[in-house]
Each structure stands twice: as structure tokens, then as C-alpha cells.
Amino acid sequence: PFLIYGRSIGSLCAIHVAHAFRDSSRFLGTIIEAGMADIRALPLLAPVVGLAGGLPDILHLEEKLSATVKPMLVIHGTEDEVIPIAQGRAIVAAAGAAESDKFLCECTGKGHNSVLRGLRGGLGPALKLFLDCTLGGQALGAAFAEGSSNLLAEGAAAPLRGVAAAEASFLAKNYEDAKAAYTAILAG
């Protein structure tokens, strides 16, 4: 089994890959951090879009999101200066997953590069809850709504070092497995 994770511009790839593997029984769900639903709506591109008189939707993200029915967790800072929180909300709104299988975790006061400081212990606990739900068949939305007080950090607390180290260890340990899985997926 595999999850798809995308952050910032990487969310475009994550949405595309999630759509491509939407029917795979091995694909468990998607986690998007500070992602975008429509690249044309980014403040940075507003002058270009205005000069061009609008741009066509060449990425078809909303279409891809609506066709993807696997569980989805979106983590976004409310003060994201690069990709506004409206984009995170739009991802969740467009996602084809049942309402009970999608959740927007809004990190109050966090910007684009500080969003994980809005989660107690960084991404680790949120990822664990997501995995517990997807592997255990539990409704994602209810679990996150119940557990959000434990996940959301108070103030600007930095991620716990122990959890960050554990995440790094987990990623390093599982790199070869992940690499083999992706190679198998790409091979068809």
C-alpha cells in the first residue's frame, strides 16, 4: 500500500498521481500540505493572468480531484502568503472523497513555510492518525475532528525534536521500500 504526499507546488504532482492511481487497491489516500487547487488563482501569478486576459485550465486539477475518491488530508496555514488558505479549502471542496473521508486541518496563524509548526509534533501524529484511519477503515473526518485538539499546537510551538527525528528515521529506513514500490508502480 502507498500514500501520496505533496507540498506546495508538489501538490500539483500529488493530485495528478492520485488521479492516475485512483482505482488502485494499493493507493490508500493523499496528504496535501500548503497545496493549490488552481495555479491561476495564485497571487504571484495575478499580474500575468490579468495581462493575458485569463489563462486556460491546462492542469484540470478540479476535474482530477473530483474523480479521486480515496481519503484526503489537507494541511494549510491560515496566513499562507504564497498559496492562500482558500486554495486548501478549494482542494477539500473539489475532492471526490466522501465528506467523512476528507479533512482540512487549518493551522491558525501559520504561513507557507511554518505550517508544520502548527501541528503538535510536526507531521508525525497527523500522518499516524491518517494511516490509522485509512488502514483501519475509520472515517477520516470524524477522527480528525475528534483528535484535532491533540494535533494542533498551541501558539507557535516548534515540532518536537524526538518526533522529527523519528520521522527522519522512518523515512530513511523505508526509503528503499518506497523506491521499490514507486518503481513497480511506474512499471505498470
Protein backbone atom coordinates (compact mmCIF):
# COMPACT_ATOMS: atom_id res chain seq x y z
CA PRO A 1 0.00 0.00 0.00
CA PHE A 2 1.08 3.59 -0.54
CA LEU A 3 0.07 7.16 0.27
CA ILE A 4 0.70 10.20 -1.85
CA TYR A 5 2.09 13.35 -0.23
CA GLY A 6 2.55 16.71 -1.91
CA ARG A 7 3.67 20.06 -0.53
CA SER A 8 3.28 23.44 -2.19
CA ILE A 9 3.98 23.09 -5.92
CA GLY A 10 4.44 19.37 -5.28
CA SER A 11 0.69 19.25 -4.62
CA LEU A 12 0.17 19.54 -8.38
CA CYS A 13 2.11 16.32 -8.91
CA ALA A 14 0.40 14.64 -5.94
CA ILE A 15 -3.06 15.45 -7.34
CA HIS A 16 -2.05 14.17 -10.76
CA VAL A 17 -0.59 10.91 -9.37
CA ALA A 18 -3.58 10.41 -7.03
CA HIS A 19 -5.85 10.74 -10.04
CA ALA A 20 -3.74 8.34 -12.10
CA PHE A 21 -3.88 5.69 -9.35
CA ARG A 22 -7.40 6.43 -8.10
CA ASP A 23 -8.59 2.89 -8.90
CA SER A 24 -5.59 1.07 -7.42
CA SER A 25 -6.41 -1.01 -4.36
CA ARG A 26 -2.87 -0.27 -3.10
CA PHE A 27 -3.43 3.51 -3.11
CA LEU A 28 -4.71 4.48 0.35
CA GLY A 29 -5.07 8.25 0.13
CA THR A 30 -3.48 11.66 -0.29
CA ILE A 31 -1.96 14.21 2.06
CA ILE A 32 -1.58 17.74 0.72
CA GLU A 33 0.36 20.38 2.65
CA ALA A 34 0.00 24.04 1.62
CA GLY A 35 -1.27 22.94 -1.77
CA MET A 36 -3.11 24.56 -4.63
CA ALA A 37 -6.36 23.79 -6.41
CA ASP A 38 -5.90 26.32 -9.21
CA ILE A 39 -2.48 27.67 -10.14
CA ARG A 40 -4.15 30.55 -11.98
CA ALA A 41 -5.51 31.91 -8.68
CA LEU A 42 -2.12 32.37 -7.02
CA PRO A 43 -1.38 35.99 -6.00
CA LEU A 44 2.09 35.74 -7.57
CA LEU A 45 0.55 34.99 -10.99
CA ALA A 46 -2.27 37.56 -10.83
CA PRO A 47 -0.42 40.15 -12.98
CA VAL A 48 0.36 37.54 -15.66
CA VAL A 49 -3.18 36.16 -15.66
CA GLY A 50 -4.54 39.72 -15.89
CA LEU A 51 -2.26 40.69 -18.79
CA ALA A 52 -3.14 37.53 -20.66
CA GLY A 53 -6.85 38.18 -20.20
CA GLY A 54 -7.14 34.91 -18.29
CA LEU A 55 -5.45 31.58 -18.78
CA PRO A 56 -6.93 28.22 -19.73
CA ASP A 57 -7.04 25.49 -17.11
CA ILE A 58 -4.40 23.23 -18.63
CA LEU A 59 -3.86 21.15 -15.47
CA HIS A 60 -7.52 20.21 -14.89
CA LEU A 61 -6.95 19.92 -11.14
CA GLU A 62 -10.59 20.29 -10.11
CA GLU A 63 -11.55 17.51 -12.55
CA LYS A 64 -8.78 15.26 -11.22
CA LEU A 65 -9.69 15.99 -7.61
CA SER A 66 -13.38 15.26 -8.13
CA ALA A 67 -12.57 11.88 -9.72
CA THR A 68 -10.31 10.89 -6.82
CA VAL A 69 -12.43 9.28 -4.10
CA LYS A 70 -9.73 8.00 -1.74
CA PRO A 71 -9.29 9.67 1.68
CA MET A 72 -7.62 13.09 1.66
CA LEU A 73 -5.99 15.18 4.38
CA VAL A 74 -5.18 18.80 3.55
CA ILE A 75 -2.94 20.76 5.95
CA HIS A 76 -2.78 24.51 5.34
CA GLY A 77 -1.75 27.64 7.26
CA THR A 78 -4.38 30.35 7.59
CA GLU A 79 -1.75 33.04 6.95
CA ASP A 80 -0.10 31.39 3.94
CA GLU A 81 1.31 34.27 1.92
CA VAL A 82 2.26 32.17 -1.12
CA ILE A 83 -0.77 29.90 -1.54
CA PRO A 84 -3.76 31.36 0.34
CA ILE A 85 -5.89 29.16 2.61
CA ALA A 86 -8.71 29.49 0.06
CA GLN A 87 -6.71 27.09 -2.12
CA GLY A 88 -6.63 24.43 0.62
CA ARG A 89 -10.36 24.86 1.15
CA ALA A 90 -10.93 24.52 -2.60
CA ILE A 91 -8.95 21.26 -2.69
CA VAL A 92 -11.14 19.76 0.02
CA ALA A 93 -14.32 21.06 -1.62
CA ALA A 94 -13.35 19.60 -5.01
CA ALA A 95 -12.09 16.24 -3.69
CA GLY A 96 -14.37 13.39 -4.71
CA ALA A 97 -13.91 11.56 -1.40
CA ALA A 98 -16.95 11.24 0.82
CA GLU A 99 -17.28 14.10 3.33
CA SER A 100 -16.33 11.63 6.07
CA ASP A 101 -13.07 10.78 4.25
CA LYS A 102 -11.63 14.25 3.72
CA PHE A 103 -10.40 16.78 6.23
CA LEU A 104 -8.88 20.25 6.16
CA CYS A 105 -6.50 20.88 9.05
CA GLU A 106 -6.18 24.67 9.27
CA CYS A 107 -3.11 25.80 11.19
CA THR A 108 -4.10 29.18 12.62
CA GLY A 109 -1.58 31.97 12.13
CA LYS A 110 0.87 29.83 10.17
CA GLY A 111 2.40 30.82 6.86
CA HIS A 112 3.58 28.85 3.87
CA ASN A 113 6.83 27.61 5.38
CA SER A 114 5.72 27.39 9.00
CA VAL A 115 2.59 25.26 8.61
CA LEU A 116 4.05 22.16 10.27
CA ARG A 117 4.84 24.23 13.36
CA GLY A 118 1.05 24.47 13.62
CA LEU A 119 0.89 20.72 14.28
CA ARG A 120 1.91 19.33 17.64
CA GLY A 121 4.92 17.14 16.93
CA GLY A 122 5.09 18.09 13.24
CA LEU A 123 3.61 15.83 10.61
CA GLY A 124 4.15 12.59 12.56
CA PRO A 125 0.94 12.45 14.66
CA ALA A 126 -1.25 13.66 11.79
CA LEU A 127 0.29 11.06 9.49
CA LYS A 128 -0.22 8.34 12.12
CA LEU A 129 -3.89 9.26 12.54
CA PHE A 130 -4.33 9.33 8.75
CA LEU A 131 -2.73 5.88 8.44
CA ASP A 132 -4.76 4.50 11.35
CA CYS A 133 -7.94 5.69 9.64
CA THR A 134 -7.13 4.54 6.13
CA LEU A 135 -5.77 1.16 7.19
CA GLY A 136 -8.43 0.62 9.85
CA GLY A 137 -11.39 1.73 7.76
CA GLN A 138 -12.27 4.56 10.18
CA ALA A 139 -13.89 7.77 8.90
CA LEU A 140 -11.12 10.32 8.44
CA GLY A 141 -13.18 13.45 9.07
CA ALA A 142 -14.59 12.26 12.40
CA ALA A 143 -11.22 11.03 13.65
CA PHE A 144 -9.50 14.31 12.78
CA ALA A 145 -12.33 16.41 14.21
CA GLU A 146 -12.09 14.45 17.48
CA GLY A 147 -8.28 14.45 17.54
CA SER A 148 -7.65 17.98 16.27
CA SER A 149 -7.18 19.40 19.77
CA ASN A 150 -4.33 16.92 20.25
CA LEU A 151 -2.85 17.58 16.81
CA LEU A 152 -2.94 21.36 16.69
CA ALA A 153 -0.12 23.01 18.58
CA GLU A 154 -0.73 25.95 20.85
CA GLY A 155 0.80 29.21 19.66
CA ALA A 156 3.95 28.86 17.58
CA ALA A 157 5.36 25.80 19.29
CA ALA A 158 8.06 24.14 17.19
CA PRO A 159 7.74 20.45 16.31
CA LEU A 160 9.05 18.10 18.96
CA ARG A 161 12.62 17.09 18.17
CA GLY A 162 12.03 13.46 19.07
CA VAL A 163 9.11 13.15 16.65
CA ALA A 164 11.05 14.90 13.88
CA ALA A 165 13.98 12.52 14.44
CA ALA A 166 11.60 9.55 14.43
CA GLU A 167 10.09 10.78 11.15
CA ALA A 168 13.55 11.09 9.60
CA SER A 169 14.47 7.62 10.82
CA PHE A 170 11.22 6.18 9.46
CA LEU A 171 11.79 7.85 6.08
CA ALA A 172 15.40 6.70 5.84
CA LYS A 173 14.52 3.15 6.88
CA ASN A 174 11.71 2.92 4.38
CA TYR A 175 13.39 4.73 1.51
CA GLU A 176 14.40 1.54 -0.29
CA ASP A 177 10.90 0.05 0.14
CA ALA A 178 9.33 3.26 -1.14
CA LYS A 179 11.75 3.41 -4.07
CA ALA A 180 10.93 -0.21 -4.99
CA ALA A 181 7.19 0.49 -4.69
CA TYR A 182 7.36 3.54 -6.94
CA THR A 183 9.46 1.64 -9.47
CA ALA A 184 6.85 -1.14 -9.52
CA ILE A 185 4.02 1.38 -9.88
CA LEU A 186 5.71 3.16 -12.77
CA ALA A 187 6.47 -0.19 -14.44
CA GLY A 188 2.76 -0.84 -14.53
